[in-house]
C-alpha atoms as a PDB file:
ATOM      1  CA  UNK A   1     -18.312  -6.808  19.833  1.00  0.00           C
ATOM      2  CA  UNK A   2     -16.908  -3.949  21.869  1.00  0.00           C
ATOM      3  CA  UNK A   3     -14.647  -1.157  20.689  1.00  0.00           C
ATOM      4  CA  UNK A   4     -13.110   1.953  22.224  1.00  0.00           C
ATOM      5  CA  UNK A   5     -13.035   5.398  20.657  1.00  0.00           C
ATOM      6  CA  UNK A   6     -10.923   8.465  21.378  1.00  0.00           C
ATOM      7  CA  UNK A   7     -12.713  11.589  20.176  1.00  0.00           C
ATOM      8  CA  UNK A   8     -10.353  14.543  19.604  1.00  0.00           C
ATOM      9  CA  UNK A   9     -11.195  17.962  21.075  1.00  0.00           C
ATOM     10  CA  UNK A  10     -11.678  19.505  17.636  1.00  0.00           C
ATOM     11  CA  UNK A  11     -14.606  17.165  17.022  1.00  0.00           C
ATOM     12  CA  UNK A  12     -16.163  17.735  20.445  1.00  0.00           C
ATOM     13  CA  UNK A  13     -15.589  21.460  20.818  1.00  0.00           C
ATOM     14  CA  UNK A  14     -15.401  22.798  17.277  1.00  0.00           C
ATOM     15  CA  UNK A  15     -17.778  20.263  15.708  1.00  0.00           C
ATOM     16  CA  UNK A  16     -15.251  19.523  12.981  1.00  0.00           C
ATOM     17  CA  UNK A  17     -15.265  16.415  10.840  1.00  0.00           C
ATOM     18  CA  UNK A  18     -12.056  14.472  11.456  1.00  0.00           C
ATOM     19  CA  UNK A  19      -9.982  11.711   9.876  1.00  0.00           C
ATOM     20  CA  UNK A  20     -10.190   8.300  11.531  1.00  0.00           C
ATOM     21  CA  UNK A  21      -7.395   5.900  12.439  1.00  0.00           C
ATOM     22  CA  UNK A  22      -8.150   2.276  13.308  1.00  0.00           C
ATOM     23  CA  UNK A  23      -5.831   0.460  15.720  1.00  0.00           C
ATOM     24  CA  UNK A  24      -5.790  -3.353  15.853  1.00  0.00           C
ATOM     25  CA  UNK A  25      -4.407  -4.941  19.005  1.00  0.00           C
ATOM     26  CA  UNK A  26      -2.340  -8.075  19.491  1.00  0.00           C
ATOM     27  CA  UNK A  27      -2.813 -11.472  21.100  1.00  0.00           C
ATOM     28  CA  UNK A  28      -4.637 -11.536  24.470  1.00  0.00           C
ATOM     29  CA  UNK A  29      -5.626  -7.867  24.215  1.00  0.00           C
ATOM     30  CA  UNK A  30      -9.091  -6.363  24.453  1.00  0.00           C
ATOM     31  CA  UNK A  31     -10.504  -3.061  23.221  1.00  0.00           C
ATOM     32  CA  UNK A  32      -8.948  -1.359  26.264  1.00  0.00           C
ATOM     33  CA  UNK A  33      -5.204  -2.122  26.245  1.00  0.00           C
ATOM     34  CA  UNK A  34      -4.183   0.466  23.673  1.00  0.00           C
ATOM     35  CA  UNK A  35      -6.449   3.140  25.143  1.00  0.00           C
ATOM     36  CA  UNK A  36      -5.004   2.623  28.627  1.00  0.00           C
ATOM     37  CA  UNK A  37      -1.336   1.895  27.948  1.00  0.00           C
ATOM     38  CA  UNK A  38      -0.141   3.687  24.823  1.00  0.00           C
ATOM     39  CA  UNK A  39      -0.454   7.359  25.747  1.00  0.00           C
ATOM     40  CA  UNK A  40      -1.786   8.022  22.266  1.00  0.00           C
ATOM     41  CA  UNK A  41      -4.411  10.560  23.368  1.00  0.00           C
ATOM     42  CA  UNK A  42      -2.114  13.589  23.413  1.00  0.00           C
ATOM     43  CA  UNK A  43      -0.888  12.826  19.907  1.00  0.00           C
ATOM     44  CA  UNK A  44      -4.324  12.121  18.445  1.00  0.00           C
ATOM     45  CA  UNK A  45      -5.658  15.298  20.068  1.00  0.00           C
ATOM     46  CA  UNK A  46      -2.833  17.346  18.576  1.00  0.00           C
ATOM     47  CA  UNK A  47      -3.440  15.974  15.080  1.00  0.00           C
ATOM     48  CA  UNK A  48      -7.234  16.023  15.310  1.00  0.00           C
ATOM     49  CA  UNK A  49      -7.706  12.328  14.528  1.00  0.00           C
ATOM     50  CA  UNK A  50     -10.399   9.997  15.866  1.00  0.00           C
ATOM     51  CA  UNK A  51      -8.927   6.683  17.100  1.00  0.00           C
ATOM     52  CA  UNK A  52     -10.953   3.457  17.014  1.00  0.00           C
ATOM     53  CA  UNK A  53      -9.725   0.318  18.817  1.00  0.00           C
ATOM     54  CA  UNK A  54     -11.833  -2.859  18.427  1.00  0.00           C
ATOM     55  CA  UNK A  55     -11.580  -6.001  20.503  1.00  0.00           C
ATOM     56  CA  UNK A  56      -9.419  -8.805  19.124  1.00  0.00           C
ATOM     57  CA  UNK A  57     -12.134 -11.470  18.904  1.00  0.00           C
ATOM     58  CA  UNK A  58     -15.726 -12.256  19.775  1.00  0.00           C
ATOM     59  CA  UNK A  59     -16.235 -13.083  23.463  1.00  0.00           C
ATOM     60  CA  UNK A  60     -18.327 -15.648  25.336  1.00  0.00           C
ATOM     61  CA  UNK A  61     -19.872 -17.287  22.287  1.00  0.00           C
ATOM     62  CA  UNK A  62     -19.951 -20.696  24.009  1.00  0.00           C
ATOM     63  CA  UNK A  63     -17.501 -22.501  21.754  1.00  0.00           C
ATOM     64  CA  UNK A  64     -15.821 -25.386  23.617  1.00  0.00           C
ATOM     65  CA  UNK A  65     -12.192 -24.482  24.262  1.00  0.00           C
ATOM     66  CA  UNK A  66     -12.504 -20.852  23.163  1.00  0.00           C
ATOM     67  CA  UNK A  67     -10.637 -19.680  26.283  1.00  0.00           C
ATOM     68  CA  UNK A  68      -8.090 -22.508  26.511  1.00  0.00           C
ATOM     69  CA  UNK A  69      -5.138 -20.916  24.654  1.00  0.00           C
ATOM     70  CA  UNK A  70      -3.696 -17.418  24.493  1.00  0.00           C
ATOM     71  CA  UNK A  71      -2.959 -17.708  20.766  1.00  0.00           C
ATOM     72  CA  UNK A  72      -6.235 -19.158  19.447  1.00  0.00           C
ATOM     73  CA  UNK A  73      -9.861 -18.394  20.203  1.00  0.00           C
ATOM     74  CA  UNK A  74     -10.712 -15.592  22.629  1.00  0.00           C
ATOM     75  CA  UNK A  75      -8.316 -12.675  22.236  1.00  0.00           C
ATOM     76  CA  UNK A  76      -6.799 -14.229  19.125  1.00  0.00           C
ATOM     77  CA  UNK A  77      -9.156 -13.731  16.193  1.00  0.00           C
ATOM     78  CA  UNK A  78      -6.237 -13.037  13.829  1.00  0.00           C
ATOM     79  CA  UNK A  79      -8.412 -10.690  11.740  1.00  0.00           C
ATOM     80  CA  UNK A  80      -9.551 -13.462   9.392  1.00  0.00           C
ATOM     81  CA  UNK A  81     -12.996 -14.697   8.376  1.00  0.00           C
ATOM     82  CA  UNK A  82     -13.101 -18.223   9.759  1.00  0.00           C
ATOM     83  CA  UNK A  83     -14.486 -20.920   7.480  1.00  0.00           C
ATOM     84  CA  UNK A  84     -14.194 -23.879   9.859  1.00  0.00           C
ATOM     85  CA  UNK A  85     -16.825 -24.937  12.367  1.00  0.00           C
ATOM     86  CA  UNK A  86     -17.440 -24.003  15.130  1.00  0.00           C
ATOM     87  CA  UNK A  87     -15.589 -20.718  14.521  1.00  0.00           C
ATOM     88  CA  UNK A  88     -17.193 -19.685  11.231  1.00  0.00           C
ATOM     89  CA  UNK A  89     -20.411 -18.332  12.770  1.00  0.00           C
ATOM     90  CA  UNK A  90     -18.795 -15.691  14.984  1.00  0.00           C
ATOM     91  CA  UNK A  91     -15.109 -15.351  14.126  1.00  0.00           C
ATOM     92  CA  UNK A  92     -15.461 -13.033  11.140  1.00  0.00           C
ATOM     93  CA  UNK A  93     -12.972 -10.429  12.281  1.00  0.00           C
ATOM     94  CA  UNK A  94     -11.808  -9.386   8.824  1.00  0.00           C
ATOM     95  CA  UNK A  95     -15.308  -8.421   7.702  1.00  0.00           C
ATOM     96  CA  UNK A  96     -15.983  -6.842  11.080  1.00  0.00           C
ATOM     97  CA  UNK A  97     -12.950  -4.557  10.885  1.00  0.00           C
ATOM     98  CA  UNK A  98     -13.205  -3.618   7.207  1.00  0.00           C
ATOM     99  CA  UNK A  99     -16.994  -3.356   6.872  1.00  0.00           C
ATOM    100  CA  UNK A 100     -19.226  -3.526   9.955  1.00  0.00           C
ATOM    101  CA  UNK A 101     -17.051  -1.439  12.268  1.00  0.00           C
ATOM    102  CA  UNK A 102     -16.415   1.170   9.573  1.00  0.00           C
ATOM    103  CA  UNK A 103     -20.149   1.490   8.975  1.00  0.00           C
ATOM    104  CA  UNK A 104     -20.809   1.922  12.705  1.00  0.00           C
ATOM    105  CA  UNK A 105     -18.143   4.588  13.055  1.00  0.00           C
ATOM    106  CA  UNK A 106     -19.250   6.470   9.947  1.00  0.00           C
ATOM    107  CA  UNK A 107     -22.854   6.544  11.205  1.00  0.00           C
ATOM    108  CA  UNK A 108     -22.127   7.599  14.773  1.00  0.00           C
ATOM    109  CA  UNK A 109     -19.129   9.935  14.554  1.00  0.00           C
ATOM    110  CA  UNK A 110     -18.376  12.969  12.405  1.00  0.00           C
ATOM    111  CA  UNK A 111     -15.524  11.344  10.513  1.00  0.00           C
ATOM    112  CA  UNK A 112     -14.276  11.962   7.013  1.00  0.00           C
ATOM    113  CA  UNK A 113     -15.002   8.556   5.428  1.00  0.00           C
ATOM    114  CA  UNK A 114     -12.349   8.971   2.745  1.00  0.00           C
ATOM    115  CA  UNK A 115      -9.650   9.894   5.265  1.00  0.00           C
ATOM    116  CA  UNK A 116      -9.021   6.581   6.955  1.00  0.00           C
ATOM    117  CA  UNK A 117      -5.836   4.908   8.172  1.00  0.00           C
ATOM    118  CA  UNK A 118      -5.057   1.665   9.969  1.00  0.00           C
ATOM    119  CA  UNK A 119      -2.276   0.455  12.255  1.00  0.00           C
ATOM    120  CA  UNK A 120      -1.686  -2.220  14.849  1.00  0.00           C
ATOM    121  CA  UNK A 121       0.698  -4.284  16.952  1.00  0.00           C
ATOM    122  CA  UNK A 122       1.865  -7.890  16.516  1.00  0.00           C
ATOM    123  CA  UNK A 123      -1.247  -9.866  15.497  1.00  0.00           C
ATOM    124  CA  UNK A 124      -2.882  -6.467  15.024  1.00  0.00           C
ATOM    125  CA  UNK A 125       0.007  -5.320  12.864  1.00  0.00           C
ATOM    126  CA  UNK A 126      -0.664  -8.359  10.704  1.00  0.00           C
ATOM    127  CA  UNK A 127      -4.319  -7.335  10.644  1.00  0.00           C
ATOM    128  CA  UNK A 128      -3.549  -3.768   9.620  1.00  0.00           C
ATOM    129  CA  UNK A 129      -1.263  -4.891   6.814  1.00  0.00           C
ATOM    130  CA  UNK A 130      -3.683  -7.401   5.325  1.00  0.00           C
ATOM    131  CA  UNK A 131      -6.620  -4.983   5.538  1.00  0.00           C
ATOM    132  CA  UNK A 132      -4.654  -2.369   3.593  1.00  0.00           C
ATOM    133  CA  UNK A 133      -3.184  -4.806   1.078  1.00  0.00           C
ATOM    134  CA  UNK A 134      -6.515  -6.518   0.391  1.00  0.00           C
ATOM    135  CA  UNK A 135      -8.381  -3.232  -0.079  1.00  0.00           C
ATOM    136  CA  UNK A 136      -6.374  -0.879  -2.330  1.00  0.00           C
ATOM    137  CA  UNK A 137      -7.463   2.711  -1.850  1.00  0.00           C
ATOM    138  CA  UNK A 138      -9.668   2.057   1.178  1.00  0.00           C
ATOM    139  CA  UNK A 139      -6.963   3.106   3.654  1.00  0.00           C
ATOM    140  CA  UNK A 140      -4.876   6.175   2.949  1.00  0.00           C
ATOM    141  CA  UNK A 141      -2.140   5.064   5.356  1.00  0.00           C
ATOM    142  CA  UNK A 142      -0.928   1.937   7.144  1.00  0.00           C
ATOM    143  CA  UNK A 143       1.701   1.195   9.769  1.00  0.00           C
ATOM    144  CA  UNK A 144       2.536  -1.658  12.119  1.00  0.00           C
ATOM    145  CA  UNK A 145       4.446  -2.233  15.343  1.00  0.00           C
ATOM    146  CA  UNK A 146       6.256  -5.596  15.332  1.00  0.00           C
ATOM    147  CA  UNK A 147       3.764  -7.233  12.960  1.00  0.00           C
ATOM    148  CA  UNK A 148       3.402 -10.917  12.182  1.00  0.00           C
ATOM    149  CA  UNK A 149       4.500 -10.463   8.583  1.00  0.00           C
ATOM    150  CA  UNK A 150       4.390 -13.985   7.178  1.00  0.00           C
ATOM    151  CA  UNK A 151       1.937 -16.061   9.246  1.00  0.00           C
ATOM    152  CA  UNK A 152       2.043 -19.010   6.850  1.00  0.00           C
ATOM    153  CA  UNK A 153       5.659 -19.534   7.945  1.00  0.00           C
ATOM    154  CA  UNK A 154       5.457 -18.994  11.726  1.00  0.00           C
ATOM    155  CA  UNK A 155       4.013 -21.097  14.586  1.00  0.00           C
ATOM    156  CA  UNK A 156       1.438 -18.493  15.688  1.00  0.00           C
ATOM    157  CA  UNK A 157       0.118 -18.067  12.182  1.00  0.00           C
ATOM    158  CA  UNK A 158       0.110 -21.745  11.287  1.00  0.00           C
ATOM    159  CA  UNK A 159      -1.925 -22.618  14.379  1.00  0.00           C
ATOM    160  CA  UNK A 160      -4.462 -19.847  13.801  1.00  0.00           C
ATOM    161  CA  UNK A 161      -4.829 -20.252  10.054  1.00  0.00           C
ATOM    162  CA  UNK A 162      -5.244 -24.013  10.282  1.00  0.00           C
ATOM    163  CA  UNK A 163      -7.785 -23.683  13.074  1.00  0.00           C
ATOM    164  CA  UNK A 164      -9.862 -20.985  11.422  1.00  0.00           C
ATOM    165  CA  UNK A 165      -9.429 -21.868   7.737  1.00  0.00           C
ATOM    166  CA  UNK A 166      -8.611 -25.586   7.607  1.00  0.00           C
ATOM    167  CA  UNK A 167      -5.734 -27.453   5.984  1.00  0.00           C
ATOM    168  CA  UNK A 168      -5.772 -25.814   2.539  1.00  0.00           C
ATOM    169  CA  UNK A 169      -2.746 -23.522   2.590  1.00  0.00           C
ATOM    170  CA  UNK A 170      -3.940 -21.774  -0.552  1.00  0.00           C
ATOM    171  CA  UNK A 171      -6.714 -20.340   1.618  1.00  0.00           C
ATOM    172  CA  UNK A 172      -4.154 -19.149   4.154  1.00  0.00           C
ATOM    173  CA  UNK A 173      -2.417 -16.962   1.580  1.00  0.00           C
ATOM    174  CA  UNK A 174      -5.289 -14.475   1.438  1.00  0.00           C
ATOM    175  CA  UNK A 175      -4.422 -13.475   5.013  1.00  0.00           C
ATOM    176  CA  UNK A 176      -0.635 -13.428   4.701  1.00  0.00           C
ATOM    177  CA  UNK A 177       0.905  -9.965   4.257  1.00  0.00           C
ATOM    178  CA  UNK A 178       4.036 -11.285   2.554  1.00  0.00           C
ATOM    179  CA  UNK A 179       2.036 -13.238  -0.014  1.00  0.00           C
ATOM    180  CA  UNK A 180      -0.333 -10.312  -0.544  1.00  0.00           C
ATOM    181  CA  UNK A 181       2.624  -7.965  -1.051  1.00  0.00           C
ATOM    182  CA  UNK A 182       4.118 -10.270  -3.669  1.00  0.00           C
ATOM    183  CA  UNK A 183       0.899 -10.095  -5.671  1.00  0.00           C
ATOM    184  CA  UNK A 184      -0.291  -6.566  -4.898  1.00  0.00           C
ATOM    185  CA  UNK A 185      -1.321  -4.639  -8.025  1.00  0.00           C
ATOM    186  CA  UNK A 186      -3.392  -1.826  -6.553  1.00  0.00           C
ATOM    187  CA  UNK A 187      -2.810   1.877  -6.104  1.00  0.00           C
ATOM    188  CA  UNK A 188       0.679   2.779  -4.828  1.00  0.00           C
ATOM    189  CA  UNK A 189       0.932   2.041  -1.113  1.00  0.00           C
ATOM    190  CA  UNK A 190       3.554   2.770   1.527  1.00  0.00           C
ATOM    191  CA  UNK A 191       3.976   0.409   4.491  1.00  0.00           C
ATOM    192  CA  UNK A 192       5.598   1.745   7.676  1.00  0.00           C
ATOM    193  CA  UNK A 193       7.014  -1.228   9.602  1.00  0.00           C
ATOM    194  CA  UNK A 194       8.406  -0.634  13.110  1.00  0.00           C
ATOM    195  CA  UNK A 195      10.378  -3.304  14.972  1.00  0.00           C
ATOM    196  CA  UNK A 196      12.267  -3.511  18.265  1.00  0.00           C
ATOM    197  CA  UNK A 197      15.686  -5.133  18.010  1.00  0.00           C
ATOM    198  CA  UNK A 198      15.336  -7.002  21.330  1.00  0.00           C
ATOM    199  CA  UNK A 199      11.900  -8.430  20.611  1.00  0.00           C
ATOM    200  CA  UNK A 200      11.899 -12.061  21.753  1.00  0.00           C
ATOM    201  CA  UNK A 201       9.275 -12.946  19.166  1.00  0.00           C
ATOM    202  CA  UNK A 202      11.500 -11.550  16.421  1.00  0.00           C
ATOM    203  CA  UNK A 203      14.255 -13.871  17.610  1.00  0.00           C
ATOM    204  CA  UNK A 204      11.807 -16.793  17.758  1.00  0.00           C
ATOM    205  CA  UNK A 205      10.901 -16.166  14.095  1.00  0.00           C
ATOM    206  CA  UNK A 206       7.257 -15.399  14.802  1.00  0.00           C
ATOM    207  CA  UNK A 207       7.389 -12.013  13.039  1.00  0.00           C
ATOM    208  CA  UNK A 208       9.621 -12.470   9.944  1.00  0.00           C
ATOM    209  CA  UNK A 209       9.770  -8.842   8.750  1.00  0.00           C
ATOM    210  CA  UNK A 210      12.571  -9.569   6.277  1.00  0.00           C
ATOM    211  CA  UNK A 211      10.208 -11.746   4.246  1.00  0.00           C
ATOM    212  CA  UNK A 212       7.745  -8.877   3.865  1.00  0.00           C
ATOM    213  CA  UNK A 213      10.487  -6.372   3.075  1.00  0.00           C
ATOM    214  CA  UNK A 214      11.782  -8.653   0.319  1.00  0.00           C
ATOM    215  CA  UNK A 215       8.285  -8.948  -1.142  1.00  0.00           C
ATOM    216  CA  UNK A 216       7.844  -5.164  -1.111  1.00  0.00           C
ATOM    217  CA  UNK A 217      11.221  -4.613  -2.745  1.00  0.00           C
ATOM    218  CA  UNK A 218      10.085  -6.779  -5.642  1.00  0.00           C
ATOM    219  CA  UNK A 219       6.832  -4.896  -6.219  1.00  0.00           C
ATOM    220  CA  UNK A 220       6.820  -1.460  -7.850  1.00  0.00           C
ATOM    221  CA  UNK A 221       3.395  -0.714  -6.373  1.00  0.00           C
ATOM    222  CA  UNK A 222       4.707  -0.908  -2.799  1.00  0.00           C
ATOM    223  CA  UNK A 223       7.252   0.976  -0.752  1.00  0.00           C
ATOM    224  CA  UNK A 224       8.295  -0.182   2.702  1.00  0.00           C
ATOM    225  CA  UNK A 225       9.741   2.038   5.412  1.00  0.00           C
ATOM    226  CA  UNK A 226      11.446  -0.099   8.058  1.00  0.00           C
ATOM    227  CA  UNK A 227      12.625   1.290  11.384  1.00  0.00           C
ATOM    228  CA  UNK A 228      14.463  -0.955  13.819  1.00  0.00           C
ATOM    229  CA  UNK A 229      14.441   0.396  17.361  1.00  0.00           C
ATOM    230  CA  UNK A 230      17.618  -0.623  19.152  1.00  0.00           C
ATOM    231  CA  UNK A 231      17.049  -2.152  22.575  1.00  0.00           C
ATOM    232  CA  UNK A 232      13.256  -2.222  22.403  1.00  0.00           C
ATOM    233  CA  UNK A 233      11.129  -5.320  22.948  1.00  0.00           C
ATOM    234  CA  UNK A 234       7.525  -6.315  22.127  1.00  0.00           C
ATOM    235  CA  UNK A 235       5.804  -4.496  24.999  1.00  0.00           C
ATOM    236  CA  UNK A 236       3.518  -1.496  25.378  1.00  0.00           C
ATOM    237  CA  UNK A 237       6.505   0.497  26.662  1.00  0.00           C
ATOM    238  CA  UNK A 238       7.840   0.182  23.129  1.00  0.00           C
ATOM    239  CA  UNK A 239       4.514   1.205  21.608  1.00  0.00           C
ATOM    240  CA  UNK A 240       4.139   4.158  23.980  1.00  0.00           C
ATOM    241  CA  UNK A 241       7.590   5.412  23.003  1.00  0.00           C
ATOM    242  CA  UNK A 242       6.846   5.585  19.281  1.00  0.00           C
ATOM    243  CA  UNK A 243       3.069   5.905  18.982  1.00  0.00           C
ATOM    244  CA  UNK A 244       3.374   9.666  18.521  1.00  0.00           C
ATOM    245  CA  UNK A 245       5.630   9.141  15.522  1.00  0.00           C
ATOM    246  CA  UNK A 246       3.104   6.749  14.011  1.00  0.00           C
ATOM    247  CA  UNK A 247       0.162   9.092  14.499  1.00  0.00           C
ATOM    248  CA  UNK A 248       2.153  11.954  12.963  1.00  0.00           C
ATOM    249  CA  UNK A 249       3.001   9.655  10.046  1.00  0.00           C
ATOM    250  CA  UNK A 250      -0.662   8.880   9.441  1.00  0.00           C
ATOM    251  CA  UNK A 251      -1.574  12.560   9.778  1.00  0.00           C
ATOM    252  CA  UNK A 252       0.571  13.352   6.725  1.00  0.00           C
ATOM    253  CA  UNK A 253      -1.747  11.225   4.600  1.00  0.00           C
ATOM    254  CA  UNK A 254      -5.035  11.853   6.379  1.00  0.00           C
ATOM    255  CA  UNK A 255      -4.849  15.637   6.636  1.00  0.00           C
ATOM    256  CA  UNK A 256      -3.484  16.612   3.215  1.00  0.00           C
END
C-alpha cells in the first residue's frame, strides 16, 4: 500500500511534534489526487498539521476482474474489511486505515498520537465517518465532503458491500454511517458534513445526507454540522474551495 504525506514546516524546521489529519479519497482515486489537486498544503502549513493520504485500495493483487469497474475493486476499497473470497486476503482497508497506517505514521513521523483527525470525500467521506463512529475517542475530529452517508440504501454501496461482505445485510450495517449514528453511544462527537447543491450524485441518491442528519438528530451523543454549498458539484474544484475551512475546523480540536 502506498500513501502520501505532507509534512508541515514546523515539524521540519522547528522539530515540533504535530497533530495528524488523515484524508480518505473517493472512487478511482490514488494516494496522489488530494495532494496534487486540493491546494491543502498552504492551510496545513499554516496550522502545523501533518496530512496523510492513503491509496483507496490494494493494487495489482492478481484478482480476476479487479480492474474491470470504477466502483468495485481497484480504486474502490470502500474502507471495509472484506470477508468474501477472493477479496478477503487483501481488501482490509478498514483495518489498514485505523490500525496499520496509524502505526506506520506514529513510528516514522513526530506526530502527537492523541491529536488525530480524519476527513475524506465521497467514498472517502463515508470512510472517515465510519472510522470515527466505530472508534469513539480515537479521532478528535471528523469531517466529510459529499460523503456516501447511507451505503446500504444506495447503488454504489449495495454493489460494494455485497461484493466484499456477501448477502447478509446485517454485516453491511457495521460500515454504514447512518446505521452507526443511530446506535452510537460513545463519547460526544461532532460531524461536519459538507455538500455541494449541484452534485449529480446527490441528485442520483448515491449520497443521502438527509438520512445521516436524521440519525444524528435522534442521538444525544452526536451533533451534525451541515453546510450546503450553492452551485458546487462533486469535483476537486469544490474540495479545493473549502479544504482550508475543513483544516481550520480540525485545527480547533487538534491544537487545543
